[in-house]
């Protein structure tokens, strides 16, 4: 397993893609795919089947993943 520059709980800034310039907190690191999930960014719509919680099914919006090379750790303003 390779070592990454960000980990779960870090604040990051997006460097590339449609979310460029936005920041958020890392929810998960998918090490096998070299991807991260950032809170509130790269939102996708997930269609769910009928269940007891959703008798008619539903469309749930949640975070998608982005490649780890497209994010960097956010600089702490208090440290300067």
PDB file of N, CA and C in Angstrom:
ATOM      1  N   UNK A   1       0.840  -1.183   0.000  1.00  0.00           N
ATOM      2  CA  UNK A   1       0.000   0.000   0.000  1.00  0.00           C
ATOM      3  C   UNK A   1       0.881   1.241   0.000  1.00  0.00           C
ATOM      4  N   UNK A   2       0.606   2.154  -0.904  1.00  0.00           N
ATOM      5  CA  UNK A   2       1.405   3.371  -0.983  1.00  0.00           C
ATOM      6  C   UNK A   2       0.909   4.394   0.033  1.00  0.00           C
ATOM      7  N   UNK A   3       1.772   5.334   0.365  1.00  0.00           N
ATOM      8  CA  UNK A   3       1.451   6.362   1.342  1.00  0.00           C
ATOM      9  C   UNK A   3       0.977   7.616   0.608  1.00  0.00           C
ATOM     10  N   UNK A   4      -0.065   8.247   1.130  1.00  0.00           N
ATOM     11  CA  UNK A   4      -0.641   9.412   0.474  1.00  0.00           C
ATOM     12  C   UNK A   4      -0.393  10.668   1.290  1.00  0.00           C
ATOM     13  N   UNK A   5      -0.512  11.825   0.643  1.00  0.00           N
ATOM     14  CA  UNK A   5      -0.246  13.102   1.297  1.00  0.00           C
ATOM     15  C   UNK A   5      -1.432  13.621   2.096  1.00  0.00           C
ATOM     16  N   UNK A   6      -2.601  13.002   1.960  1.00  0.00           N
ATOM     17  CA  UNK A   6      -3.769  13.390   2.755  1.00  0.00           C
ATOM     18  C   UNK A   6      -4.333  12.165   3.454  1.00  0.00           C
ATOM     19  N   UNK A   7      -5.047  12.397   4.544  1.00  0.00           N
ATOM     20  CA  UNK A   7      -5.699  11.300   5.257  1.00  0.00           C
ATOM     21  C   UNK A   7      -7.078  11.751   5.700  1.00  0.00           C
ATOM     22  N   UNK A   8      -7.860  10.834   6.224  1.00  0.00           N
ATOM     23  CA  UNK A   8      -9.214  11.115   6.667  1.00  0.00           C
ATOM     24  C   UNK A   8      -9.197  12.222   7.725  1.00  0.00           C
ATOM     25  N   UNK A   9     -10.054  13.217   7.546  1.00  0.00           N
ATOM     26  CA  UNK A   9     -10.144  14.314   8.502  1.00  0.00           C
ATOM     27  C   UNK A   9      -9.354  15.554   8.119  1.00  0.00           C
ATOM     28  N   UNK A  10      -8.468  15.461   7.125  1.00  0.00           N
ATOM     29  CA  UNK A  10      -7.685  16.619   6.680  1.00  0.00           C
ATOM     30  C   UNK A  10      -8.560  17.602   5.905  1.00  0.00           C
ATOM     31  N   UNK A  11      -8.236  18.889   6.020  1.00  0.00           N
ATOM     32  CA  UNK A  11      -8.865  19.905   5.182  1.00  0.00           C
ATOM     33  C   UNK A  11      -8.055  20.010   3.901  1.00  0.00           C
ATOM     34  N   UNK A  12      -8.744  19.954   2.750  1.00  0.00           N
ATOM     35  CA  UNK A  12      -8.065  19.972   1.460  1.00  0.00           C
ATOM     36  C   UNK A  12      -8.656  21.023   0.538  1.00  0.00           C
ATOM     37  N   UNK A  13      -7.873  21.419  -0.481  1.00  0.00           N
ATOM     38  CA  UNK A  13      -8.297  22.328  -1.538  1.00  0.00           C
ATOM     39  C   UNK A  13      -8.187  21.568  -2.850  1.00  0.00           C
ATOM     40  N   UNK A  14      -9.201  21.710  -3.716  1.00  0.00           N
ATOM     41  CA  UNK A  14      -9.211  21.010  -5.005  1.00  0.00           C
ATOM     42  C   UNK A  14      -8.408  21.820  -6.009  1.00  0.00           C
ATOM     43  N   UNK A  15      -7.472  21.156  -6.716  1.00  0.00           N
ATOM     44  CA  UNK A  15      -6.587  21.804  -7.673  1.00  0.00           C
ATOM     45  C   UNK A  15      -7.093  21.739  -9.106  1.00  0.00           C
ATOM     46  N   UNK A  16      -7.871  20.719  -9.450  1.00  0.00           N
ATOM     47  CA  UNK A  16      -8.297  20.534 -10.837  1.00  0.00           C
ATOM     48  C   UNK A  16      -9.703  19.950 -10.893  1.00  0.00           C
ATOM     49  N   UNK A  17     -10.351  20.144 -12.029  1.00  0.00           N
ATOM     50  CA  UNK A  17     -11.685  19.594 -12.236  1.00  0.00           C
ATOM     51  C   UNK A  17     -12.764  20.627 -12.044  1.00  0.00           C
ATOM     52  N   UNK A  18     -14.017  20.194 -12.076  1.00  0.00           N
ATOM     53  CA  UNK A  18     -15.132  21.141 -11.992  1.00  0.00           C
ATOM     54  C   UNK A  18     -15.270  21.776 -10.620  1.00  0.00           C
ATOM     55  N   UNK A  19     -14.667  21.191  -9.595  1.00  0.00           N
ATOM     56  CA  UNK A  19     -14.725  21.724  -8.234  1.00  0.00           C
ATOM     57  C   UNK A  19     -13.466  22.525  -7.876  1.00  0.00           C
ATOM     58  N   UNK A  20     -12.687  22.934  -8.879  1.00  0.00           N
ATOM     59  CA  UNK A  20     -11.415  23.626  -8.672  1.00  0.00           C
ATOM     60  C   UNK A  20     -11.580  24.861  -7.785  1.00  0.00           C
ATOM     61  N   UNK A  21     -10.702  24.986  -6.790  1.00  0.00           N
ATOM     62  CA  UNK A  21     -10.709  26.135  -5.898  1.00  0.00           C
ATOM     63  C   UNK A  21     -11.542  25.941  -4.643  1.00  0.00           C
ATOM     64  N   UNK A  22     -12.402  24.946  -4.615  1.00  0.00           N
ATOM     65  CA  UNK A  22     -13.247  24.696  -3.450  1.00  0.00           C
ATOM     66  C   UNK A  22     -12.482  23.874  -2.420  1.00  0.00           C
ATOM     67  N   UNK A  23     -12.936  23.937  -1.184  1.00  0.00           N
ATOM     68  CA  UNK A  23     -12.258  23.195  -0.128  1.00  0.00           C
ATOM     69  C   UNK A  23     -13.271  22.419   0.700  1.00  0.00           C
ATOM     70  N   UNK A  24     -12.773  21.436   1.425  1.00  0.00           N
ATOM     71  CA  UNK A  24     -13.622  20.616   2.277  1.00  0.00           C
ATOM     72  C   UNK A  24     -12.789  19.662   3.088  1.00  0.00           C
ATOM     73  N   UNK A  25     -13.464  18.819   3.847  1.00  0.00           N
ATOM     74  CA  UNK A  25     -12.798  17.853   4.719  1.00  0.00           C
ATOM     75  C   UNK A  25     -12.863  16.470   4.086  1.00  0.00           C
ATOM     76  N   UNK A  26     -11.777  15.707   4.184  1.00  0.00           N
ATOM     77  CA  UNK A  26     -11.717  14.360   3.614  1.00  0.00           C
ATOM     78  C   UNK A  26     -12.569  13.422   4.463  1.00  0.00           C
ATOM     79  N   UNK A  27     -13.535  12.757   3.824  1.00  0.00           N
ATOM     80  CA  UNK A  27     -14.390  11.783   4.503  1.00  0.00           C
ATOM     81  C   UNK A  27     -13.755  10.398   4.456  1.00  0.00           C
ATOM     82  N   UNK A  28     -13.180  10.054   3.293  1.00  0.00           N
ATOM     83  CA  UNK A  28     -12.600   8.722   3.112  1.00  0.00           C
ATOM     84  C   UNK A  28     -11.477   8.769   2.090  1.00  0.00           C
ATOM     85  N   UNK A  29     -10.511   7.867   2.261  1.00  0.00           N
ATOM     86  CA  UNK A  29      -9.434   7.686   1.293  1.00  0.00           C
ATOM     87  C   UNK A  29      -9.565   6.274   0.734  1.00  0.00           C
ATOM     88  N   UNK A  30      -9.743   6.169  -0.577  1.00  0.00           N
ATOM     89  CA  UNK A  30      -9.860   4.875  -1.252  1.00  0.00           C
ATOM     90  C   UNK A  30      -8.479   4.524  -1.809  1.00  0.00           C
ATOM     91  N   UNK A  31      -7.683   3.825  -1.007  1.00  0.00           N
ATOM     92  CA  UNK A  31      -6.275   3.622  -1.343  1.00  0.00           C
ATOM     93  C   UNK A  31      -6.059   2.744  -2.575  1.00  0.00           C
ATOM     94  N   UNK A  32      -6.903   1.747  -2.791  1.00  0.00           N
ATOM     95  CA  UNK A  32      -6.716   0.867  -3.947  1.00  0.00           C
ATOM     96  C   UNK A  32      -6.960   1.590  -5.268  1.00  0.00           C
ATOM     97  N   UNK A  33      -7.834   2.592  -5.250  1.00  0.00           N
ATOM     98  CA  UNK A  33      -8.152   3.347  -6.464  1.00  0.00           C
ATOM     99  C   UNK A  33      -7.447   4.693  -6.511  1.00  0.00           C
ATOM    100  N   UNK A  34      -6.686   5.058  -5.466  1.00  0.00           N
ATOM    101  CA  UNK A  34      -5.997   6.346  -5.346  1.00  0.00           C
ATOM    102  C   UNK A  34      -6.985   7.508  -5.466  1.00  0.00           C
ATOM    103  N   UNK A  35      -8.093   7.417  -4.731  1.00  0.00           N
ATOM    104  CA  UNK A  35      -9.131   8.442  -4.782  1.00  0.00           C
ATOM    105  C   UNK A  35      -9.512   8.869  -3.375  1.00  0.00           C
ATOM    106  N   UNK A  36     -10.086  10.063  -3.263  1.00  0.00           N
ATOM    107  CA  UNK A  36     -10.581  10.565  -1.982  1.00  0.00           C
ATOM    108  C   UNK A  36     -12.021  11.034  -2.140  1.00  0.00           C
ATOM    109  N   UNK A  37     -12.764  11.006  -1.028  1.00  0.00           N
ATOM    110  CA  UNK A  37     -14.115  11.537  -0.976  1.00  0.00           C
ATOM    111  C   UNK A  37     -14.057  12.762  -0.078  1.00  0.00           C
ATOM    112  N   UNK A  38     -14.468  13.931  -0.624  1.00  0.00           N
ATOM    113  CA  UNK A  38     -14.403  15.192   0.115  1.00  0.00           C
ATOM    114  C   UNK A  38     -15.820  15.653   0.430  1.00  0.00           C
ATOM    115  N   UNK A  39     -16.021  16.076   1.665  1.00  0.00           N
ATOM    116  CA  UNK A  39     -17.332  16.483   2.154  1.00  0.00           C
ATOM    117  C   UNK A  39     -17.906  17.656   1.342  1.00  0.00           C
ATOM    118  N   UNK A  40     -19.103  17.459   0.777  1.00  0.00           N
ATOM    119  CA  UNK A  40     -19.803  18.512   0.064  1.00  0.00           C
ATOM    120  C   UNK A  40     -19.350  18.771  -1.364  1.00  0.00           C
ATOM    121  N   UNK A  41     -18.394  18.009  -1.873  1.00  0.00           N
ATOM    122  CA  UNK A  41     -17.890  18.213  -3.232  1.00  0.00           C
ATOM    123  C   UNK A  41     -18.154  16.992  -4.097  1.00  0.00           C
ATOM    124  N   UNK A  42     -18.180  17.217  -5.432  1.00  0.00           N
ATOM    125  CA  UNK A  42     -18.352  16.141  -6.423  1.00  0.00           C
ATOM    126  C   UNK A  42     -19.650  15.369  -6.149  1.00  0.00           C
ATOM    127  N   UNK A  43     -20.747  16.111  -5.942  1.00  0.00           N
ATOM    128  CA  UNK A  43     -22.022  15.486  -5.597  1.00  0.00           C
ATOM    129  C   UNK A  43     -22.572  14.687  -6.782  1.00  0.00           C
ATOM    130  N   UNK A  44     -23.074  13.475  -6.473  1.00  0.00           N
ATOM    131  CA  UNK A  44     -23.681  12.610  -7.480  1.00  0.00           C
ATOM    132  C   UNK A  44     -25.072  12.213  -7.002  1.00  0.00           C
ATOM    133  N   UNK A  45     -25.919  11.814  -7.954  1.00  0.00           N
ATOM    134  CA  UNK A  45     -27.260  11.352  -7.594  1.00  0.00           C
ATOM    135  C   UNK A  45     -27.282   9.830  -7.689  1.00  0.00           C
ATOM    136  N   UNK A  46     -27.696   9.189  -6.605  1.00  0.00           N
ATOM    137  CA  UNK A  46     -27.734   7.735  -6.518  1.00  0.00           C
ATOM    138  C   UNK A  46     -29.196   7.296  -6.453  1.00  0.00           C
ATOM    139  N   UNK A  47     -29.623   6.474  -7.378  1.00  0.00           N
ATOM    140  CA  UNK A  47     -30.989   5.961  -7.384  1.00  0.00           C
ATOM    141  C   UNK A  47     -31.049   4.745  -6.480  1.00  0.00           C
ATOM    142  N   UNK A  48     -32.025   4.728  -5.555  1.00  0.00           N
ATOM    143  CA  UNK A  48     -32.155   3.608  -4.627  1.00  0.00           C
ATOM    144  C   UNK A  48     -33.419   2.813  -4.922  1.00  0.00           C
ATOM    145  N   UNK A  49     -33.375   1.541  -4.605  1.00  0.00           N
ATOM    146  CA  UNK A  49     -34.508   0.650  -4.823  1.00  0.00           C
ATOM    147  C   UNK A  49     -35.585   0.894  -3.772  1.00  0.00           C
ATOM    148  N   UNK A  50     -36.747   0.331  -4.011  1.00  0.00           N
ATOM    149  CA  UNK A  50     -37.813   0.384  -3.015  1.00  0.00           C
ATOM    150  C   UNK A  50     -37.371  -0.411  -1.786  1.00  0.00           C
ATOM    151  N   UNK A  51     -37.657   0.145  -0.612  1.00  0.00           N
ATOM    152  CA  UNK A  51     -37.322  -0.535   0.640  1.00  0.00           C
ATOM    153  C   UNK A  51     -38.314  -0.087   1.703  1.00  0.00           C
ATOM    154  N   UNK A  52     -38.149  -0.578   2.916  1.00  0.00           N
ATOM    155  CA  UNK A  52     -39.059  -0.161   3.979  1.00  0.00           C
ATOM    156  C   UNK A  52     -38.869   1.312   4.333  1.00  0.00           C
ATOM    157  N   UNK A  53     -37.629   1.800   4.253  1.00  0.00           N
ATOM    158  CA  UNK A  53     -37.383   3.221   4.536  1.00  0.00           C
ATOM    159  C   UNK A  53     -37.924   4.101   3.413  1.00  0.00           C
ATOM    160  N   UNK A  54     -37.771   3.654   2.159  1.00  0.00           N
ATOM    161  CA  UNK A  54     -38.244   4.391   0.987  1.00  0.00           C
ATOM    162  C   UNK A  54     -39.202   3.500   0.194  1.00  0.00           C
ATOM    163  N   UNK A  55     -40.502   3.502   0.550  1.00  0.00           N
ATOM    164  CA  UNK A  55     -41.447   2.596  -0.127  1.00  0.00           C
ATOM    165  C   UNK A  55     -41.569   2.838  -1.632  1.00  0.00           C
ATOM    166  N   UNK A  56     -41.297   4.067  -2.088  1.00  0.00           N
ATOM    167  CA  UNK A  56     -41.378   4.368  -3.517  1.00  0.00           C
ATOM    168  C   UNK A  56     -40.016   4.462  -4.173  1.00  0.00           C
ATOM    169  N   UNK A  57     -38.948   4.157  -3.438  1.00  0.00           N
ATOM    170  CA  UNK A  57     -37.609   4.372  -3.959  1.00  0.00           C
ATOM    171  C   UNK A  57     -37.262   5.840  -3.789  1.00  0.00           C
ATOM    172  N   UNK A  58     -36.046   6.217  -4.110  1.00  0.00           N
ATOM    173  CA  UNK A  58     -35.644   7.617  -3.940  1.00  0.00           C
ATOM    174  C   UNK A  58     -34.414   7.911  -4.777  1.00  0.00           C
ATOM    175  N   UNK A  59     -34.140   9.194  -4.938  1.00  0.00           N
ATOM    176  CA  UNK A  59     -32.896   9.648  -5.559  1.00  0.00           C
ATOM    177  C   UNK A  59     -32.126  10.371  -4.465  1.00  0.00           C
ATOM    178  N   UNK A  60     -31.019   9.784  -4.046  1.00  0.00           N
ATOM    179  CA  UNK A  60     -30.220  10.314  -2.950  1.00  0.00           C
ATOM    180  C   UNK A  60     -29.006  11.023  -3.516  1.00  0.00           C
ATOM    181  N   UNK A  61     -28.715  12.220  -3.009  1.00  0.00           N
ATOM    182  CA  UNK A  61     -27.537  12.952  -3.456  1.00  0.00           C
ATOM    183  C   UNK A  61     -26.430  12.757  -2.430  1.00  0.00           C
ATOM    184  N   UNK A  62     -25.244  12.329  -2.894  1.00  0.00           N
ATOM    185  CA  UNK A  62     -24.121  12.099  -1.989  1.00  0.00           C
ATOM    186  C   UNK A  62     -22.813  12.439  -2.675  1.00  0.00           C
ATOM    187  N   UNK A  63     -21.728  12.414  -1.898  1.00  0.00           N
ATOM    188  CA  UNK A  63     -20.416  12.774  -2.438  1.00  0.00           C
ATOM    189  C   UNK A  63     -19.850  11.645  -3.294  1.00  0.00           C
ATOM    190  N   UNK A  64     -19.226  12.026  -4.400  1.00  0.00           N
ATOM    191  CA  UNK A  64     -18.493  11.086  -5.232  1.00  0.00           C
ATOM    192  C   UNK A  64     -17.013  11.213  -4.923  1.00  0.00           C
ATOM    193  N   UNK A  65     -16.199  10.405  -5.576  1.00  0.00           N
ATOM    194  CA  UNK A  65     -14.762  10.443  -5.320  1.00  0.00           C
ATOM    195  C   UNK A  65     -14.046  11.234  -6.402  1.00  0.00           C
ATOM    196  N   UNK A  66     -12.837  11.687  -6.074  1.00  0.00           N
ATOM    197  CA  UNK A  66     -11.976  12.363  -7.049  1.00  0.00           C
ATOM    198  C   UNK A  66     -10.556  11.838  -6.859  1.00  0.00           C
ATOM    199  N   UNK A  67      -9.752  11.949  -7.886  1.00  0.00           N
ATOM    200  CA  UNK A  67      -8.395  11.422  -7.810  1.00  0.00           C
ATOM    201  C   UNK A  67      -7.585  12.206  -6.788  1.00  0.00           C
ATOM    202  N   UNK A  68      -6.748  11.488  -6.066  1.00  0.00           N
ATOM    203  CA  UNK A  68      -5.993  12.091  -4.961  1.00  0.00           C
ATOM    204  C   UNK A  68      -4.996  13.140  -5.444  1.00  0.00           C
ATOM    205  N   UNK A  69      -4.583  13.073  -6.712  1.00  0.00           N
ATOM    206  CA  UNK A  69      -3.645  14.061  -7.246  1.00  0.00           C
ATOM    207  C   UNK A  69      -4.312  15.414  -7.484  1.00  0.00           C
ATOM    208  N   UNK A  70      -5.638  15.459  -7.461  1.00  0.00           N
ATOM    209  CA  UNK A  70      -6.358  16.706  -7.691  1.00  0.00           C
ATOM    210  C   UNK A  70      -6.613  17.493  -6.413  1.00  0.00           C
ATOM    211  N   UNK A  71      -6.108  17.024  -5.277  1.00  0.00           N
ATOM    212  CA  UNK A  71      -6.300  17.750  -4.020  1.00  0.00           C
ATOM    213  C   UNK A  71      -4.961  17.974  -3.326  1.00  0.00           C
ATOM    214  N   UNK A  72      -4.912  19.038  -2.522  1.00  0.00           N
ATOM    215  CA  UNK A  72      -3.746  19.266  -1.674  1.00  0.00           C
ATOM    216  C   UNK A  72      -4.232  19.710  -0.302  1.00  0.00           C
ATOM    217  N   UNK A  73      -3.388  19.504   0.709  1.00  0.00           N
ATOM    218  CA  UNK A  73      -3.736  19.923   2.052  1.00  0.00           C
ATOM    219  C   UNK A  73      -3.908  21.427   2.098  1.00  0.00           C
ATOM    220  N   UNK A  74      -4.921  21.886   2.821  1.00  0.00           N
ATOM    221  CA  UNK A  74      -5.147  23.321   2.966  1.00  0.00           C
ATOM    222  C   UNK A  74      -4.144  23.880   3.972  1.00  0.00           C
ATOM    223  N   UNK A  75      -3.622  25.054   3.647  1.00  0.00           N
ATOM    224  CA  UNK A  75      -2.676  25.714   4.542  1.00  0.00           C
ATOM    225  C   UNK A  75      -3.459  26.249   5.747  1.00  0.00           C
ATOM    226  N   UNK A  76      -2.932  26.032   6.944  1.00  0.00           N
ATOM    227  CA  UNK A  76      -3.574  26.545   8.155  1.00  0.00           C
ATOM    228  C   UNK A  76      -3.261  28.026   8.303  1.00  0.00           C
ATOM    229  N   UNK A  77      -4.277  28.860   8.273  1.00  0.00           N
ATOM    230  CA  UNK A  77      -4.082  30.314   8.365  1.00  0.00           C
ATOM    231  C   UNK A  77      -3.563  30.716   9.746  1.00  0.00           C
ATOM    232  N   UNK A  78      -3.922  29.954  10.768  1.00  0.00           N
ATOM    233  CA  UNK A  78      -3.494  30.278  12.132  1.00  0.00           C
ATOM    234  C   UNK A  78      -2.009  30.009  12.343  1.00  0.00           C
ATOM    235  N   UNK A  79      -1.417  29.157  11.533  1.00  0.00           N
ATOM    236  CA  UNK A  79      -0.005  28.795  11.697  1.00  0.00           C
ATOM    237  C   UNK A  79       0.929  29.918  11.236  1.00  0.00           C
ATOM    238  N   UNK A  80       0.432  30.831  10.394  1.00  0.00           N
ATOM    239  CA  UNK A  80       1.287  31.894   9.860  1.00  0.00           C
ATOM    240  C   UNK A  80       1.374  33.066  10.775  1.00  0.00           C
TER     241      UNK A  80
END
